[in-house]
């Protein structure tokens, strides 16, 4: 369940980046960039974040604490329904 959500977030991130870069890079360089990102960053920075039993919101865009102290307990039956509300940041603090 969490892996599926992580994959959805990763795919969404790549779509947003593609809107800005794909036309400039062209199809071949874009494909190389995606392959590099998948090999170097997807698991290390993205999928691994979803392997914890409790996922916590890291805060709001531009810094600050999560106003709701939001978290998802992946052992709970309602976890999948609430995963979509979780705010995510990459290590560079880019909003996802």
PDB file of N, CA and C in Angstrom:
ATOM      1  N   UNK A   1       0.820  -1.184   0.000  1.00  0.00           N
ATOM      2  CA  UNK A   1       0.000   0.000   0.000  1.00  0.00           C
ATOM      3  C   UNK A   1       0.873   1.261   0.000  1.00  0.00           C
ATOM      4  N   UNK A   2       1.833   1.337   0.908  1.00  0.00           N
ATOM      5  CA  UNK A   2       2.692   2.517   0.969  1.00  0.00           C
ATOM      6  C   UNK A   2       3.599   2.583  -0.250  1.00  0.00           C
ATOM      7  N   UNK A   3       4.056   1.430  -0.718  1.00  0.00           N
ATOM      8  CA  UNK A   3       4.913   1.412  -1.909  1.00  0.00           C
ATOM      9  C   UNK A   3       4.144   1.947  -3.121  1.00  0.00           C
ATOM     10  N   UNK A   4       2.878   1.576  -3.241  1.00  0.00           N
ATOM     11  CA  UNK A   4       2.071   2.076  -4.352  1.00  0.00           C
ATOM     12  C   UNK A   4       1.953   3.595  -4.273  1.00  0.00           C
ATOM     13  N   UNK A   5       1.723   4.114  -3.082  1.00  0.00           N
ATOM     14  CA  UNK A   5       1.603   5.566  -2.900  1.00  0.00           C
ATOM     15  C   UNK A   5       2.934   6.248  -3.209  1.00  0.00           C
ATOM     16  N   UNK A   6       4.032   5.638  -2.790  1.00  0.00           N
ATOM     17  CA  UNK A   6       5.351   6.204  -3.088  1.00  0.00           C
ATOM     18  C   UNK A   6       5.580   6.239  -4.593  1.00  0.00           C
ATOM     19  N   UNK A   7       5.192   5.180  -5.274  1.00  0.00           N
ATOM     20  CA  UNK A   7       5.347   5.132  -6.727  1.00  0.00           C
ATOM     21  C   UNK A   7       4.504   6.210  -7.397  1.00  0.00           C
ATOM     22  N   UNK A   8       3.297   6.435  -6.892  1.00  0.00           N
ATOM     23  CA  UNK A   8       2.447   7.492  -7.444  1.00  0.00           C
ATOM     24  C   UNK A   8       3.086   8.862  -7.255  1.00  0.00           C
ATOM     25  N   UNK A   9       3.658   9.095  -6.093  1.00  0.00           N
ATOM     26  CA  UNK A   9       4.315  10.380  -5.826  1.00  0.00           C
ATOM     27  C   UNK A   9       5.530  10.557  -6.722  1.00  0.00           C
ATOM     28  N   UNK A  10       6.318   9.489  -6.903  1.00  0.00           N
ATOM     29  CA  UNK A  10       7.498   9.553  -7.762  1.00  0.00           C
ATOM     30  C   UNK A  10       7.083   9.873  -9.202  1.00  0.00           C
ATOM     31  N   UNK A  11       6.066   9.185  -9.686  1.00  0.00           N
ATOM     32  CA  UNK A  11       5.590   9.422 -11.049  1.00  0.00           C
ATOM     33  C   UNK A  11       5.082  10.850 -11.214  1.00  0.00           C
ATOM     34  N   UNK A  12       4.390  11.353 -10.214  1.00  0.00           N
ATOM     35  CA  UNK A  12       3.912  12.736 -10.247  1.00  0.00           C
ATOM     36  C   UNK A  12       5.059  13.730 -10.292  1.00  0.00           C
ATOM     37  N   UNK A  13       6.097  13.459  -9.519  1.00  0.00           N
ATOM     38  CA  UNK A  13       7.274  14.328  -9.523  1.00  0.00           C
ATOM     39  C   UNK A  13       7.907  14.343 -10.913  1.00  0.00           C
ATOM     40  N   UNK A  14       8.072  13.177 -11.519  1.00  0.00           N
ATOM     41  CA  UNK A  14       8.664  13.122 -12.854  1.00  0.00           C
ATOM     42  C   UNK A  14       7.801  13.842 -13.887  1.00  0.00           C
ATOM     43  N   UNK A  15       6.481  13.744 -13.770  1.00  0.00           N
ATOM     44  CA  UNK A  15       5.596  14.465 -14.693  1.00  0.00           C
ATOM     45  C   UNK A  15       5.768  15.978 -14.567  1.00  0.00           C
ATOM     46  N   UNK A  16       5.878  16.462 -13.325  1.00  0.00           N
ATOM     47  CA  UNK A  16       6.053  17.900 -13.125  1.00  0.00           C
ATOM     48  C   UNK A  16       7.403  18.377 -13.667  1.00  0.00           C
ATOM     49  N   UNK A  17       8.440  17.598 -13.451  1.00  0.00           N
ATOM     50  CA  UNK A  17       9.758  17.954 -13.983  1.00  0.00           C
ATOM     51  C   UNK A  17       9.735  17.905 -15.505  1.00  0.00           C
ATOM     52  N   UNK A  18       9.054  16.909 -16.060  1.00  0.00           N
ATOM     53  CA  UNK A  18       8.975  16.766 -17.520  1.00  0.00           C
ATOM     54  C   UNK A  18       8.351  17.993 -18.168  1.00  0.00           C
ATOM     55  N   UNK A  19       7.366  18.584 -17.528  1.00  0.00           N
ATOM     56  CA  UNK A  19       6.718  19.780 -18.086  1.00  0.00           C
ATOM     57  C   UNK A  19       7.720  20.912 -18.292  1.00  0.00           C
ATOM     58  N   UNK A  20       8.723  20.971 -17.441  1.00  0.00           N
ATOM     59  CA  UNK A  20       9.714  22.040 -17.514  1.00  0.00           C
ATOM     60  C   UNK A  20      10.915  21.686 -18.402  1.00  0.00           C
ATOM     61  N   UNK A  21      11.305  20.405 -18.426  1.00  0.00           N
ATOM     62  CA  UNK A  21      12.571  20.055 -19.052  1.00  0.00           C
ATOM     63  C   UNK A  21      12.510  19.215 -20.324  1.00  0.00           C
ATOM     64  N   UNK A  22      11.485  18.434 -20.498  1.00  0.00           N
ATOM     65  CA  UNK A  22      11.484  17.468 -21.600  1.00  0.00           C
ATOM     66  C   UNK A  22      11.652  18.119 -22.972  1.00  0.00           C
ATOM     67  N   UNK A  23      10.958  19.200 -23.217  1.00  0.00           N
ATOM     68  CA  UNK A  23      11.063  19.870 -24.518  1.00  0.00           C
ATOM     69  C   UNK A  23      12.478  20.393 -24.752  1.00  0.00           C
ATOM     70  N   UNK A  24      13.103  20.883 -23.699  1.00  0.00           N
ATOM     71  CA  UNK A  24      14.464  21.410 -23.817  1.00  0.00           C
ATOM     72  C   UNK A  24      15.478  20.296 -24.038  1.00  0.00           C
ATOM     73  N   UNK A  25      15.338  19.204 -23.305  1.00  0.00           N
ATOM     74  CA  UNK A  25      16.298  18.104 -23.395  1.00  0.00           C
ATOM     75  C   UNK A  25      16.103  17.230 -24.628  1.00  0.00           C
ATOM     76  N   UNK A  26      14.873  17.105 -25.077  1.00  0.00           N
ATOM     77  CA  UNK A  26      14.576  16.168 -26.151  1.00  0.00           C
ATOM     78  C   UNK A  26      14.324  14.786 -25.567  1.00  0.00           C
ATOM     79  N   UNK A  27      13.750  13.915 -26.366  1.00  0.00           N
ATOM     80  CA  UNK A  27      13.342  12.597 -25.865  1.00  0.00           C
ATOM     81  C   UNK A  27      14.510  11.737 -25.387  1.00  0.00           C
ATOM     82  N   UNK A  28      15.621  11.737 -26.115  1.00  0.00           N
ATOM     83  CA  UNK A  28      16.748  10.882 -25.734  1.00  0.00           C
ATOM     84  C   UNK A  28      17.374  11.306 -24.408  1.00  0.00           C
ATOM     85  N   UNK A  29      17.667  12.599 -24.275  1.00  0.00           N
ATOM     86  CA  UNK A  29      18.257  13.074 -23.013  1.00  0.00           C
ATOM     87  C   UNK A  29      17.269  12.970 -21.860  1.00  0.00           C
ATOM     88  N   UNK A  30      15.984  13.199 -22.145  1.00  0.00           N
ATOM     89  CA  UNK A  30      14.985  13.052 -21.091  1.00  0.00           C
ATOM     90  C   UNK A  30      14.954  11.604 -20.595  1.00  0.00           C
ATOM     91  N   UNK A  31      14.973  10.649 -21.518  1.00  0.00           N
ATOM     92  CA  UNK A  31      14.972   9.233 -21.137  1.00  0.00           C
ATOM     93  C   UNK A  31      16.209   8.902 -20.309  1.00  0.00           C
ATOM     94  N   UNK A  32      17.368   9.449 -20.684  1.00  0.00           N
ATOM     95  CA  UNK A  32      18.589   9.242 -19.904  1.00  0.00           C
ATOM     96  C   UNK A  32      18.448   9.843 -18.505  1.00  0.00           C
ATOM     97  N   UNK A  33      17.844  11.018 -18.430  1.00  0.00           N
ATOM     98  CA  UNK A  33      17.650  11.682 -17.127  1.00  0.00           C
ATOM     99  C   UNK A  33      16.734  10.875 -16.220  1.00  0.00           C
ATOM    100  N   UNK A  34      15.661  10.359 -16.772  1.00  0.00           N
ATOM    101  CA  UNK A  34      14.727   9.540 -15.995  1.00  0.00           C
ATOM    102  C   UNK A  34      15.413   8.265 -15.527  1.00  0.00           C
ATOM    103  N   UNK A  35      16.175   7.632 -16.404  1.00  0.00           N
ATOM    104  CA  UNK A  35      16.897   6.416 -16.014  1.00  0.00           C
ATOM    105  C   UNK A  35      17.882   6.707 -14.883  1.00  0.00           C
ATOM    106  N   UNK A  36      18.574   7.837 -14.977  1.00  0.00           N
ATOM    107  CA  UNK A  36      19.518   8.226 -13.918  1.00  0.00           C
ATOM    108  C   UNK A  36      18.789   8.497 -12.598  1.00  0.00           C
ATOM    109  N   UNK A  37      17.697   9.233 -12.670  1.00  0.00           N
ATOM    110  CA  UNK A  37      16.927   9.532 -11.456  1.00  0.00           C
ATOM    111  C   UNK A  37      16.388   8.253 -10.818  1.00  0.00           C
ATOM    112  N   UNK A  38      15.882   7.352 -11.644  1.00  0.00           N
ATOM    113  CA  UNK A  38      15.379   6.077 -11.112  1.00  0.00           C
ATOM    114  C   UNK A  38      16.484   5.280 -10.454  1.00  0.00           C
ATOM    115  N   UNK A  39      17.650   5.235 -11.081  1.00  0.00           N
ATOM    116  CA  UNK A  39      18.763   4.439 -10.546  1.00  0.00           C
ATOM    117  C   UNK A  39      19.359   5.049  -9.277  1.00  0.00           C
ATOM    118  N   UNK A  40      19.469   6.359  -9.230  1.00  0.00           N
ATOM    119  CA  UNK A  40      20.192   7.010  -8.128  1.00  0.00           C
ATOM    120  C   UNK A  40      19.319   7.557  -7.003  1.00  0.00           C
ATOM    121  N   UNK A  41      18.082   7.911  -7.299  1.00  0.00           N
ATOM    122  CA  UNK A  41      17.291   8.639  -6.312  1.00  0.00           C
ATOM    123  C   UNK A  41      15.975   7.988  -5.911  1.00  0.00           C
ATOM    124  N   UNK A  42      15.372   7.248  -6.804  1.00  0.00           N
ATOM    125  CA  UNK A  42      14.027   6.733  -6.550  1.00  0.00           C
ATOM    126  C   UNK A  42      13.957   5.924  -5.255  1.00  0.00           C
ATOM    127  N   UNK A  43      14.788   4.938  -5.117  1.00  0.00           N
ATOM    128  CA  UNK A  43      14.735   4.117  -3.907  1.00  0.00           C
ATOM    129  C   UNK A  43      15.346   4.821  -2.707  1.00  0.00           C
ATOM    130  N   UNK A  44      16.499   5.432  -2.910  1.00  0.00           N
ATOM    131  CA  UNK A  44      17.227   6.035  -1.792  1.00  0.00           C
ATOM    132  C   UNK A  44      16.466   7.169  -1.125  1.00  0.00           C
ATOM    133  N   UNK A  45      15.798   7.999  -1.906  1.00  0.00           N
ATOM    134  CA  UNK A  45      15.139   9.175  -1.334  1.00  0.00           C
ATOM    135  C   UNK A  45      13.628   9.093  -1.311  1.00  0.00           C
ATOM    136  N   UNK A  46      13.055   8.179  -2.060  1.00  0.00           N
ATOM    137  CA  UNK A  46      11.611   8.193  -2.186  1.00  0.00           C
ATOM    138  C   UNK A  46      10.965   6.951  -1.613  1.00  0.00           C
ATOM    139  N   UNK A  47      11.211   5.821  -2.229  1.00  0.00           N
ATOM    140  CA  UNK A  47      10.549   4.603  -1.775  1.00  0.00           C
ATOM    141  C   UNK A  47      10.950   4.247  -0.352  1.00  0.00           C
ATOM    142  N   UNK A  48      12.202   4.492   0.007  1.00  0.00           N
ATOM    143  CA  UNK A  48      12.648   4.161   1.362  1.00  0.00           C
ATOM    144  C   UNK A  48      11.902   4.964   2.422  1.00  0.00           C
ATOM    145  N   UNK A  49      11.437   6.148   2.077  1.00  0.00           N
ATOM    146  CA  UNK A  49      10.699   6.977   3.032  1.00  0.00           C
ATOM    147  C   UNK A  49       9.367   6.338   3.415  1.00  0.00           C
ATOM    148  N   UNK A  50       8.855   5.447   2.587  1.00  0.00           N
ATOM    149  CA  UNK A  50       7.562   4.813   2.837  1.00  0.00           C
ATOM    150  C   UNK A  50       7.688   3.454   3.509  1.00  0.00           C
ATOM    151  N   UNK A  51       8.875   3.077   3.929  1.00  0.00           N
ATOM    152  CA  UNK A  51       9.069   1.776   4.579  1.00  0.00           C
ATOM    153  C   UNK A  51       8.899   1.831   6.097  1.00  0.00           C
ATOM    154  N   UNK A  52       8.639   2.974   6.635  1.00  0.00           N
ATOM    155  CA  UNK A  52       8.463   3.126   8.076  1.00  0.00           C
ATOM    156  C   UNK A  52       7.024   2.785   8.449  1.00  0.00           C
ATOM    157  N   UNK A  53       6.784   2.287   9.666  1.00  0.00           N
ATOM    158  CA  UNK A  53       5.404   1.947  10.047  1.00  0.00           C
ATOM    159  C   UNK A  53       4.519   3.169  10.267  1.00  0.00           C
ATOM    160  N   UNK A  54       5.112   4.303  10.608  1.00  0.00           N
ATOM    161  CA  UNK A  54       4.340   5.538  10.779  1.00  0.00           C
ATOM    162  C   UNK A  54       5.010   6.629   9.956  1.00  0.00           C
ATOM    163  N   UNK A  55       4.240   7.218   9.058  1.00  0.00           N
ATOM    164  CA  UNK A  55       4.733   8.315   8.237  1.00  0.00           C
ATOM    165  C   UNK A  55       4.186   9.617   8.795  1.00  0.00           C
ATOM    166  N   UNK A  56       5.035  10.613   8.921  1.00  0.00           N
ATOM    167  CA  UNK A  56       4.632  11.900   9.492  1.00  0.00           C
ATOM    168  C   UNK A  56       4.808  13.019   8.469  1.00  0.00           C
ATOM    169  N   UNK A  57       3.908  13.960   8.496  1.00  0.00           N
ATOM    170  CA  UNK A  57       4.013  15.150   7.656  1.00  0.00           C
ATOM    171  C   UNK A  57       5.243  15.936   8.114  1.00  0.00           C
ATOM    172  N   UNK A  58       6.052  16.370   7.162  1.00  0.00           N
ATOM    173  CA  UNK A  58       7.270  17.088   7.521  1.00  0.00           C
ATOM    174  C   UNK A  58       7.071  18.591   7.602  1.00  0.00           C
ATOM    175  N   UNK A  59       5.887  19.067   7.323  1.00  0.00           N
ATOM    176  CA  UNK A  59       5.627  20.497   7.446  1.00  0.00           C
ATOM    177  C   UNK A  59       4.984  21.075   6.212  1.00  0.00           C
ATOM    178  N   UNK A  60       4.865  22.370   6.215  1.00  0.00           N
ATOM    179  CA  UNK A  60       4.197  23.075   5.127  1.00  0.00           C
ATOM    180  C   UNK A  60       5.237  23.643   4.162  1.00  0.00           C
ATOM    181  N   UNK A  61       4.815  24.011   2.945  1.00  0.00           N
ATOM    182  CA  UNK A  61       5.768  24.622   2.015  1.00  0.00           C
ATOM    183  C   UNK A  61       6.419  25.854   2.638  1.00  0.00           C
ATOM    184  N   UNK A  62       7.651  26.072   2.322  1.00  0.00           N
ATOM    185  CA  UNK A  62       8.432  27.219   2.799  1.00  0.00           C
ATOM    186  C   UNK A  62       8.740  27.143   4.297  1.00  0.00           C
ATOM    187  N   UNK A  63       8.678  25.934   4.849  1.00  0.00           N
ATOM    188  CA  UNK A  63       9.078  25.738   6.237  1.00  0.00           C
ATOM    189  C   UNK A  63       7.943  25.825   7.230  1.00  0.00           C
ATOM    190  N   UNK A  64       8.192  25.364   8.396  1.00  0.00           N
ATOM    191  CA  UNK A  64       7.192  25.383   9.453  1.00  0.00           C
ATOM    192  C   UNK A  64       6.661  23.998   9.748  1.00  0.00           C
ATOM    193  N   UNK A  65       6.096  23.863  10.905  1.00  0.00           N
ATOM    194  CA  UNK A  65       5.532  22.590  11.341  1.00  0.00           C
ATOM    195  C   UNK A  65       4.197  22.318  10.665  1.00  0.00           C
ATOM    196  N   UNK A  66       3.829  21.063  10.603  1.00  0.00           N
ATOM    197  CA  UNK A  66       2.513  20.690  10.094  1.00  0.00           C
ATOM    198  C   UNK A  66       1.477  21.189  11.092  1.00  0.00           C
ATOM    199  N   UNK A  67       0.510  21.986  10.669  1.00  0.00           N
ATOM    200  CA  UNK A  67      -0.467  22.533  11.606  1.00  0.00           C
ATOM    201  C   UNK A  67      -1.355  21.469  12.237  1.00  0.00           C
ATOM    202  N   UNK A  68      -1.484  20.316  11.588  1.00  0.00           N
ATOM    203  CA  UNK A  68      -2.337  19.247  12.121  1.00  0.00           C
ATOM    204  C   UNK A  68      -1.541  18.127  12.791  1.00  0.00           C
ATOM    205  N   UNK A  69      -0.196  18.236  12.780  1.00  0.00           N
ATOM    206  CA  UNK A  69       0.646  17.146  13.285  1.00  0.00           C
ATOM    207  C   UNK A  69       0.208  15.832  12.641  1.00  0.00           C
ATOM    208  N   UNK A  70       0.011  15.872  11.332  1.00  0.00           N
ATOM    209  CA  UNK A  70      -0.559  14.761  10.577  1.00  0.00           C
ATOM    210  C   UNK A  70       0.399  13.586  10.501  1.00  0.00           C
ATOM    211  N   UNK A  71      -0.144  12.390  10.644  1.00  0.00           N
ATOM    212  CA  UNK A  71       0.640  11.172  10.468  1.00  0.00           C
ATOM    213  C   UNK A  71      -0.263  10.061   9.946  1.00  0.00           C
ATOM    214  N   UNK A  72       0.369   9.060   9.357  1.00  0.00           N
ATOM    215  CA  UNK A  72      -0.344   7.894   8.843  1.00  0.00           C
ATOM    216  C   UNK A  72       0.275   6.662   9.485  1.00  0.00           C
ATOM    217  N   UNK A  73      -0.526   5.906  10.196  1.00  0.00           N
ATOM    218  CA  UNK A  73      -0.091   4.641  10.783  1.00  0.00           C
ATOM    219  C   UNK A  73      -0.382   3.550   9.757  1.00  0.00           C
ATOM    220  N   UNK A  74       0.670   3.009   9.151  1.00  0.00           N
ATOM    221  CA  UNK A  74       0.491   2.031   8.081  1.00  0.00           C
ATOM    222  C   UNK A  74      -0.040   0.691   8.571  1.00  0.00           C
ATOM    223  N   UNK A  75      -0.100   0.504   9.877  1.00  0.00           N
ATOM    224  CA  UNK A  75      -0.679  -0.730  10.410  1.00  0.00           C
ATOM    225  C   UNK A  75      -2.195  -0.611  10.579  1.00  0.00           C
ATOM    226  N   UNK A  76      -2.725   0.579  10.372  1.00  0.00           N
ATOM    227  CA  UNK A  76      -4.156   0.845  10.515  1.00  0.00           C
ATOM    228  C   UNK A  76      -4.898   0.543   9.214  1.00  0.00           C
ATOM    229  N   UNK A  77      -6.100   0.065   9.318  1.00  0.00           N
ATOM    230  CA  UNK A  77      -6.910  -0.265   8.138  1.00  0.00           C
ATOM    231  C   UNK A  77      -7.237   0.967   7.293  1.00  0.00           C
ATOM    232  N   UNK A  78      -7.278   2.149   7.886  1.00  0.00           N
ATOM    233  CA  UNK A  78      -7.613   3.386   7.166  1.00  0.00           C
ATOM    234  C   UNK A  78      -6.398   4.042   6.514  1.00  0.00           C
ATOM    235  N   UNK A  79      -5.245   3.445   6.629  1.00  0.00           N
ATOM    236  CA  UNK A  79      -4.005   4.076   6.186  1.00  0.00           C
ATOM    237  C   UNK A  79      -4.036   4.480   4.718  1.00  0.00           C
ATOM    238  N   UNK A  80      -4.506   3.620   3.852  1.00  0.00           N
ATOM    239  CA  UNK A  80      -4.478   3.937   2.425  1.00  0.00           C
ATOM    240  C   UNK A  80      -5.319   5.169   2.120  1.00  0.00           C
ATOM    241  N   UNK A  81      -6.426   5.307   2.776  1.00  0.00           N
ATOM    242  CA  UNK A  81      -7.305   6.455   2.532  1.00  0.00           C
ATOM    243  C   UNK A  81      -6.658   7.770   2.968  1.00  0.00           C
ATOM    244  N   UNK A  82      -5.812   7.738   3.977  1.00  0.00           N
ATOM    245  CA  UNK A  82      -5.218   8.974   4.484  1.00  0.00           C
ATOM    246  C   UNK A  82      -3.842   9.277   3.895  1.00  0.00           C
ATOM    247  N   UNK A  83      -3.238   8.344   3.167  1.00  0.00           N
ATOM    248  CA  UNK A  83      -1.919   8.591   2.587  1.00  0.00           C
ATOM    249  C   UNK A  83      -1.914   9.792   1.643  1.00  0.00           C
ATOM    250  N   UNK A  84      -2.999  10.027   0.953  1.00  0.00           N
ATOM    251  CA  UNK A  84      -3.069  11.138   0.010  1.00  0.00           C
ATOM    252  C   UNK A  84      -2.973  12.500   0.665  1.00  0.00           C
ATOM    253  N   UNK A  85      -3.190  12.583   1.944  1.00  0.00           N
ATOM    254  CA  UNK A  85      -3.135  13.851   2.660  1.00  0.00           C
ATOM    255  C   UNK A  85      -1.750  14.161   3.218  1.00  0.00           C
ATOM    256  N   UNK A  86      -0.829  13.231   3.088  1.00  0.00           N
ATOM    257  CA  UNK A  86       0.511  13.393   3.654  1.00  0.00           C
ATOM    258  C   UNK A  86       1.337  14.334   2.796  1.00  0.00           C
ATOM    259  N   UNK A  87       1.890  15.385   3.403  1.00  0.00           N
ATOM    260  CA  UNK A  87       2.785  16.306   2.696  1.00  0.00           C
ATOM    261  C   UNK A  87       4.164  15.682   2.653  1.00  0.00           C
ATOM    262  N   UNK A  88       4.797  15.758   1.496  1.00  0.00           N
ATOM    263  CA  UNK A  88       6.127  15.175   1.339  1.00  0.00           C
ATOM    264  C   UNK A  88       7.114  16.223   0.853  1.00  0.00           C
ATOM    265  N   UNK A  89       8.336  16.079   1.280  1.00  0.00           N
ATOM    266  CA  UNK A  89       9.431  16.921   0.812  1.00  0.00           C
ATOM    267  C   UNK A  89      10.562  16.001   0.396  1.00  0.00           C
ATOM    268  N   UNK A  90      11.339  16.421  -0.600  1.00  0.00           N
ATOM    269  CA  UNK A  90      12.564  15.710  -0.895  1.00  0.00           C
ATOM    270  C   UNK A  90      13.611  16.237   0.064  1.00  0.00           C
ATOM    271  N   UNK A  91      14.805  15.708   0.018  1.00  0.00           N
ATOM    272  CA  UNK A  91      15.843  16.179   0.911  1.00  0.00           C
ATOM    273  C   UNK A  91      16.245  17.613   0.604  1.00  0.00           C
ATOM    274  N   UNK A  92      15.945  18.095  -0.592  1.00  0.00           N
ATOM    275  CA  UNK A  92      16.252  19.478  -0.919  1.00  0.00           C
ATOM    276  C   UNK A  92      15.098  20.412  -0.544  1.00  0.00           C
ATOM    277  N   UNK A  93      14.085  19.883   0.144  1.00  0.00           N
ATOM    278  CA  UNK A  93      12.926  20.640   0.614  1.00  0.00           C
ATOM    279  C   UNK A  93      12.061  21.132  -0.552  1.00  0.00           C
ATOM    280  N   UNK A  94      11.987  20.346  -1.599  1.00  0.00           N
ATOM    281  CA  UNK A  94      11.104  20.654  -2.720  1.00  0.00           C
ATOM    282  C   UNK A  94       9.739  20.079  -2.423  1.00  0.00           C
ATOM    283  N   UNK A  95       8.698  20.859  -2.594  1.00  0.00           N
ATOM    284  CA  UNK A  95       7.340  20.429  -2.307  1.00  0.00           C
ATOM    285  C   UNK A  95       6.893  19.386  -3.314  1.00  0.00           C
ATOM    286  N   UNK A  96       6.309  18.277  -2.834  1.00  0.00           N
ATOM    287  CA  UNK A  96       5.829  17.212  -3.703  1.00  0.00           C
ATOM    288  C   UNK A  96       4.345  17.046  -3.555  1.00  0.00           C
TER     289      UNK A  96
END
